[in-house]
N, C-alpha and C. Protein backbone atom coordinates (compact mmCIF):
# COMPACT_ATOMS: atom_id res chain seq x y z
N MET A 1 17.39 6.33 -18.19
CA MET A 1 17.11 7.69 -17.82
C MET A 1 18.24 8.54 -18.39
N ASP A 2 17.91 9.63 -19.05
CA ASP A 2 18.91 10.54 -19.59
C ASP A 2 19.16 11.66 -18.61
N THR A 3 20.42 12.07 -18.50
CA THR A 3 20.79 13.12 -17.58
C THR A 3 20.81 14.47 -18.29
N ALA A 4 21.12 15.54 -17.57
CA ALA A 4 21.17 16.88 -18.15
C ALA A 4 22.28 16.99 -19.19
N THR A 5 23.31 16.16 -19.07
CA THR A 5 24.40 16.17 -20.05
C THR A 5 24.15 15.16 -21.17
N LEU A 6 22.91 14.69 -21.28
CA LEU A 6 22.48 13.74 -22.30
C LEU A 6 23.22 12.40 -22.23
N THR A 7 23.61 12.03 -21.04
CA THR A 7 24.20 10.73 -20.79
C THR A 7 23.10 9.80 -20.30
N ARG A 8 23.03 8.65 -20.89
CA ARG A 8 22.00 7.68 -20.47
C ARG A 8 22.54 6.86 -19.31
N LEU A 9 21.75 6.78 -18.25
CA LEU A 9 22.09 5.97 -17.09
C LEU A 9 21.09 4.85 -16.94
N TYR A 10 21.57 3.71 -16.50
CA TYR A 10 20.73 2.55 -16.28
C TYR A 10 20.71 2.24 -14.80
N ALA A 11 19.54 2.04 -14.26
CA ALA A 11 19.40 1.72 -12.84
C ALA A 11 18.91 0.28 -12.71
N PHE A 12 19.48 -0.42 -11.76
CA PHE A 12 19.05 -1.78 -11.45
C PHE A 12 18.12 -1.70 -10.25
N VAL A 13 16.85 -1.97 -10.48
CA VAL A 13 15.82 -1.77 -9.47
C VAL A 13 15.07 -3.09 -9.25
N VAL A 14 14.85 -3.42 -7.98
CA VAL A 14 14.05 -4.58 -7.62
C VAL A 14 12.93 -4.09 -6.71
N MET A 15 11.70 -4.51 -7.02
CA MET A 15 10.56 -4.09 -6.21
C MET A 15 9.88 -5.31 -5.60
N GLU A 16 9.63 -5.21 -4.30
CA GLU A 16 8.81 -6.22 -3.62
C GLU A 16 7.36 -5.78 -3.83
N VAL A 17 6.63 -6.48 -4.65
CA VAL A 17 5.28 -6.05 -5.03
C VAL A 17 4.34 -6.03 -3.83
N GLY A 18 4.47 -6.97 -2.94
CA GLY A 18 3.57 -7.05 -1.79
C GLY A 18 3.64 -5.84 -0.88
N THR A 19 4.84 -5.30 -0.70
CA THR A 19 5.02 -4.16 0.20
C THR A 19 5.35 -2.87 -0.55
N ARG A 20 5.54 -2.97 -1.85
CA ARG A 20 5.95 -1.83 -2.70
C ARG A 20 7.31 -1.27 -2.27
N THR A 21 8.12 -2.09 -1.64
CA THR A 21 9.47 -1.68 -1.25
C THR A 21 10.36 -1.75 -2.48
N VAL A 22 11.08 -0.67 -2.74
CA VAL A 22 11.96 -0.61 -3.90
C VAL A 22 13.41 -0.64 -3.44
N HIS A 23 14.18 -1.50 -4.06
CA HIS A 23 15.61 -1.60 -3.78
C HIS A 23 16.34 -1.08 -5.02
N ILE A 24 17.00 0.06 -4.90
CA ILE A 24 17.81 0.59 -5.99
C ILE A 24 19.22 0.07 -5.73
N LEU A 25 19.64 -0.89 -6.53
CA LEU A 25 20.88 -1.61 -6.25
C LEU A 25 22.09 -0.97 -6.90
N GLY A 26 21.91 -0.28 -7.99
CA GLY A 26 23.06 0.32 -8.65
C GLY A 26 22.64 1.13 -9.85
N VAL A 27 23.51 2.07 -10.23
CA VAL A 27 23.29 2.91 -11.40
C VAL A 27 24.61 2.98 -12.16
N THR A 28 24.56 2.81 -13.47
CA THR A 28 25.76 2.85 -14.28
C THR A 28 25.42 3.34 -15.69
N ALA A 29 26.43 3.82 -16.37
CA ALA A 29 26.25 4.22 -17.77
C ALA A 29 26.50 3.04 -18.71
N HIS A 30 27.19 2.01 -18.22
CA HIS A 30 27.55 0.87 -19.07
C HIS A 30 27.25 -0.44 -18.35
N PRO A 31 25.99 -0.87 -18.35
CA PRO A 31 25.64 -2.11 -17.66
C PRO A 31 26.15 -3.34 -18.41
N THR A 32 26.58 -4.32 -17.67
CA THR A 32 27.03 -5.59 -18.24
C THR A 32 26.34 -6.73 -17.52
N ALA A 33 26.48 -7.92 -18.07
CA ALA A 33 25.89 -9.10 -17.44
C ALA A 33 26.56 -9.38 -16.09
N ALA A 34 27.87 -9.18 -16.02
CA ALA A 34 28.58 -9.42 -14.75
C ALA A 34 28.12 -8.43 -13.68
N TRP A 35 27.87 -7.19 -14.08
CA TRP A 35 27.38 -6.16 -13.15
C TRP A 35 26.02 -6.56 -12.58
N ALA A 36 25.11 -6.99 -13.46
CA ALA A 36 23.77 -7.39 -13.02
C ALA A 36 23.83 -8.61 -12.10
N THR A 37 24.70 -9.56 -12.43
CA THR A 37 24.83 -10.76 -11.61
C THR A 37 25.36 -10.41 -10.22
N GLN A 38 26.36 -9.54 -10.16
CA GLN A 38 26.92 -9.15 -8.86
C GLN A 38 25.88 -8.41 -8.02
N LEU A 39 25.09 -7.54 -8.65
CA LEU A 39 24.06 -6.82 -7.90
C LEU A 39 22.99 -7.76 -7.37
N SER A 40 22.69 -8.81 -8.12
CA SER A 40 21.70 -9.78 -7.63
C SER A 40 22.25 -10.52 -6.41
N ARG A 41 23.55 -10.84 -6.43
CA ARG A 41 24.17 -11.47 -5.25
C ARG A 41 24.12 -10.53 -4.05
N ASN A 42 24.42 -9.25 -4.31
CA ASN A 42 24.38 -8.26 -3.23
C ASN A 42 22.98 -8.13 -2.64
N LEU A 43 21.96 -8.18 -3.49
CA LEU A 43 20.58 -8.09 -3.02
C LEU A 43 20.25 -9.24 -2.08
N LEU A 44 20.55 -10.45 -2.52
CA LEU A 44 20.21 -11.61 -1.69
C LEU A 44 21.02 -11.63 -0.39
N ALA A 45 22.24 -11.13 -0.43
CA ALA A 45 23.04 -11.06 0.79
C ALA A 45 22.46 -10.03 1.76
N SER A 46 21.97 -8.91 1.23
CA SER A 46 21.41 -7.89 2.12
C SER A 46 20.03 -8.29 2.66
N LEU A 47 19.30 -9.10 1.90
CA LEU A 47 17.99 -9.56 2.37
C LEU A 47 18.13 -10.66 3.42
N ALA A 48 19.20 -11.41 3.35
CA ALA A 48 19.50 -12.50 4.28
C ALA A 48 18.31 -13.46 4.41
N ASP A 49 17.73 -13.58 5.59
CA ASP A 49 16.64 -14.53 5.83
C ASP A 49 15.35 -14.15 5.13
N ARG A 50 15.16 -12.86 4.84
CA ARG A 50 13.93 -12.43 4.17
C ARG A 50 13.83 -12.97 2.75
N ALA A 51 14.96 -13.31 2.13
CA ALA A 51 14.95 -13.82 0.75
C ALA A 51 14.17 -15.12 0.64
N ALA A 52 14.07 -15.87 1.71
CA ALA A 52 13.35 -17.15 1.69
C ALA A 52 11.85 -16.95 1.46
N ARG A 53 11.34 -15.75 1.72
CA ARG A 53 9.90 -15.49 1.52
C ARG A 53 9.54 -15.25 0.06
N PHE A 54 10.53 -14.98 -0.77
CA PHE A 54 10.24 -14.68 -2.17
C PHE A 54 10.11 -15.96 -2.97
N ARG A 55 9.10 -15.98 -3.83
CA ARG A 55 8.86 -17.17 -4.65
C ARG A 55 9.19 -16.94 -6.11
N TYR A 56 8.98 -15.70 -6.60
CA TYR A 56 9.15 -15.41 -8.02
C TYR A 56 9.97 -14.15 -8.23
N LEU A 57 10.68 -14.12 -9.37
CA LEU A 57 11.34 -12.92 -9.85
C LEU A 57 10.85 -12.71 -11.27
N LEU A 58 10.13 -11.63 -11.48
CA LEU A 58 9.67 -11.29 -12.83
C LEU A 58 10.69 -10.33 -13.43
N ARG A 59 11.24 -10.71 -14.57
CA ARG A 59 12.25 -9.88 -15.22
C ARG A 59 11.97 -9.82 -16.71
N ASP A 60 12.59 -8.83 -17.36
CA ASP A 60 12.41 -8.73 -18.80
C ASP A 60 13.44 -9.63 -19.50
N ARG A 61 13.46 -9.56 -20.82
CA ARG A 61 14.29 -10.47 -21.60
C ARG A 61 15.59 -9.82 -22.08
N ASP A 62 16.11 -8.91 -21.31
CA ASP A 62 17.35 -8.23 -21.67
C ASP A 62 18.51 -9.23 -21.71
N SER A 63 19.45 -9.01 -22.60
CA SER A 63 20.59 -9.92 -22.74
C SER A 63 21.53 -9.86 -21.54
N ARG A 64 21.40 -8.86 -20.70
CA ARG A 64 22.25 -8.75 -19.51
C ARG A 64 21.85 -9.75 -18.44
N TYR A 65 20.68 -10.32 -18.54
CA TYR A 65 20.24 -11.32 -17.57
C TYR A 65 20.58 -12.70 -18.13
N THR A 66 21.75 -13.16 -17.77
CA THR A 66 22.26 -14.42 -18.30
C THR A 66 21.87 -15.59 -17.39
N GLN A 67 22.36 -16.77 -17.73
CA GLN A 67 22.09 -17.94 -16.91
C GLN A 67 22.74 -17.80 -15.53
N ALA A 68 23.87 -17.10 -15.48
CA ALA A 68 24.52 -16.87 -14.18
C ALA A 68 23.64 -16.00 -13.29
N PHE A 69 22.99 -15.01 -13.87
CA PHE A 69 22.06 -14.15 -13.14
C PHE A 69 20.91 -14.98 -12.59
N ASP A 70 20.31 -15.80 -13.45
CA ASP A 70 19.19 -16.64 -13.03
C ASP A 70 19.61 -17.64 -11.96
N ALA A 71 20.84 -18.15 -12.06
CA ALA A 71 21.31 -19.16 -11.11
C ALA A 71 21.41 -18.60 -9.69
N VAL A 72 21.70 -17.32 -9.57
CA VAL A 72 21.78 -16.70 -8.24
C VAL A 72 20.44 -16.83 -7.52
N PHE A 73 19.35 -16.60 -8.25
CA PHE A 73 18.02 -16.66 -7.64
C PHE A 73 17.50 -18.09 -7.51
N THR A 74 17.75 -18.91 -8.51
CA THR A 74 17.26 -20.29 -8.42
C THR A 74 17.96 -21.05 -7.31
N ALA A 75 19.19 -20.65 -6.93
CA ALA A 75 19.87 -21.30 -5.81
C ALA A 75 19.13 -21.06 -4.50
N ASP A 76 18.37 -19.97 -4.42
CA ASP A 76 17.55 -19.67 -3.24
C ASP A 76 16.09 -20.06 -3.45
N ASN A 77 15.83 -20.96 -4.40
CA ASN A 77 14.48 -21.45 -4.71
C ASN A 77 13.53 -20.34 -5.13
N ILE A 78 14.03 -19.35 -5.87
CA ILE A 78 13.20 -18.29 -6.43
C ILE A 78 13.03 -18.59 -7.92
N GLU A 79 11.80 -18.75 -8.34
CA GLU A 79 11.52 -19.09 -9.73
C GLU A 79 11.61 -17.84 -10.60
N ILE A 80 12.25 -17.95 -11.75
CA ILE A 80 12.42 -16.84 -12.68
C ILE A 80 11.27 -16.86 -13.68
N LEU A 81 10.55 -15.76 -13.79
CA LEU A 81 9.50 -15.58 -14.78
C LEU A 81 9.93 -14.48 -15.73
N LYS A 82 9.93 -14.77 -17.03
CA LYS A 82 10.32 -13.77 -18.01
C LYS A 82 9.07 -13.13 -18.60
N SER A 83 9.09 -11.80 -18.70
CA SER A 83 7.95 -11.11 -19.29
C SER A 83 7.93 -11.36 -20.79
N ALA A 84 6.76 -11.28 -21.36
CA ALA A 84 6.61 -11.44 -22.81
C ALA A 84 7.27 -10.25 -23.51
N PRO A 85 7.75 -10.45 -24.72
CA PRO A 85 8.40 -9.34 -25.44
C PRO A 85 7.45 -8.17 -25.66
N GLN A 86 7.96 -6.97 -25.44
CA GLN A 86 7.25 -5.71 -25.70
C GLN A 86 5.91 -5.63 -24.99
N THR A 87 5.88 -6.01 -23.72
CA THR A 87 4.66 -5.93 -22.92
C THR A 87 4.96 -5.24 -21.59
N PRO A 88 5.03 -3.91 -21.60
CA PRO A 88 5.34 -3.21 -20.35
C PRO A 88 4.28 -3.37 -19.28
N ARG A 89 3.04 -3.68 -19.66
CA ARG A 89 1.98 -3.84 -18.65
C ARG A 89 2.18 -5.10 -17.81
N MET A 90 2.98 -6.01 -18.30
CA MET A 90 3.23 -7.23 -17.56
C MET A 90 4.06 -6.96 -16.31
N ASN A 91 4.81 -5.87 -16.33
CA ASN A 91 5.64 -5.47 -15.20
C ASN A 91 5.23 -4.06 -14.78
N ALA A 92 3.94 -3.86 -14.65
CA ALA A 92 3.36 -2.53 -14.47
C ALA A 92 3.82 -1.83 -13.19
N HIS A 93 4.05 -2.56 -12.13
CA HIS A 93 4.44 -1.92 -10.86
C HIS A 93 5.77 -1.19 -11.01
N VAL A 94 6.76 -1.85 -11.59
CA VAL A 94 8.07 -1.22 -11.76
C VAL A 94 8.01 -0.13 -12.83
N GLU A 95 7.26 -0.36 -13.89
CA GLU A 95 7.13 0.66 -14.94
C GLU A 95 6.53 1.94 -14.36
N ARG A 96 5.57 1.81 -13.49
CA ARG A 96 4.96 2.98 -12.84
C ARG A 96 5.97 3.68 -11.93
N PHE A 97 6.77 2.92 -11.21
CA PHE A 97 7.79 3.51 -10.35
C PHE A 97 8.80 4.30 -11.19
N ILE A 98 9.24 3.72 -12.28
CA ILE A 98 10.21 4.40 -13.14
C ILE A 98 9.61 5.68 -13.72
N ARG A 99 8.37 5.61 -14.12
CA ARG A 99 7.70 6.81 -14.65
C ARG A 99 7.61 7.90 -13.58
N SER A 100 7.29 7.52 -12.36
CA SER A 100 7.21 8.49 -11.27
C SER A 100 8.57 9.11 -10.97
N VAL A 101 9.60 8.30 -10.95
CA VAL A 101 10.95 8.81 -10.68
C VAL A 101 11.37 9.79 -11.77
N ARG A 102 11.13 9.44 -13.02
CA ARG A 102 11.48 10.35 -14.12
C ARG A 102 10.75 11.68 -13.99
N ALA A 103 9.48 11.63 -13.68
CA ALA A 103 8.70 12.87 -13.56
C ALA A 103 9.18 13.70 -12.38
N GLU A 104 9.44 13.06 -11.25
CA GLU A 104 9.90 13.79 -10.07
C GLU A 104 11.28 14.40 -10.29
N CYS A 105 12.15 13.65 -10.94
CA CYS A 105 13.50 14.17 -11.17
C CYS A 105 13.50 15.35 -12.13
N THR A 106 12.72 15.24 -13.20
CA THR A 106 12.71 16.34 -14.17
C THR A 106 11.97 17.56 -13.66
N ASP A 107 11.03 17.37 -12.76
CA ASP A 107 10.31 18.52 -12.18
C ASP A 107 11.22 19.35 -11.28
N ARG A 108 12.23 18.72 -10.72
CA ARG A 108 13.08 19.41 -9.75
C ARG A 108 14.49 19.73 -10.29
N MET A 109 14.69 19.51 -11.57
CA MET A 109 16.00 19.72 -12.15
C MET A 109 16.10 21.12 -12.77
N LEU A 110 17.17 21.82 -12.45
CA LEU A 110 17.45 23.12 -13.04
C LEU A 110 18.46 22.95 -14.17
N ILE A 111 18.14 23.52 -15.30
CA ILE A 111 19.06 23.42 -16.45
C ILE A 111 19.70 24.76 -16.67
C-alpha cells in the first residue's frame, strides 16, 4: 500500500476464512524474513488454544517466508500450502480484503 508521501508500506495480515476474522499483525516499510517469522510467533501466542483448530495456512511464495517461518506453524501441526505463482484468485479472500482496505483508505484520505 502506498501512502500520501509515496512510501510503500507492507502489512502482515492473517485471515481466518471460516469466520472472516482478520488479524493485522504488523506494518513496516522494510519487511524481512525475521520480521515475518516473529509476527507468526506472536500470532500463535495470541491465539493460544484456538491455534489447535487451524489445519492449513495458505501463503504466497514470497522470499520472506523462509523455512523458519514455516517451522513456526508446522510445530503446531498446521500444514503450509503455497499458492501457485501469479494466481491471486487462489487467495481471493485476503485479496478482496486488501482491495477493500485500499478503497476505504483512499476514499477518506485528504491530500
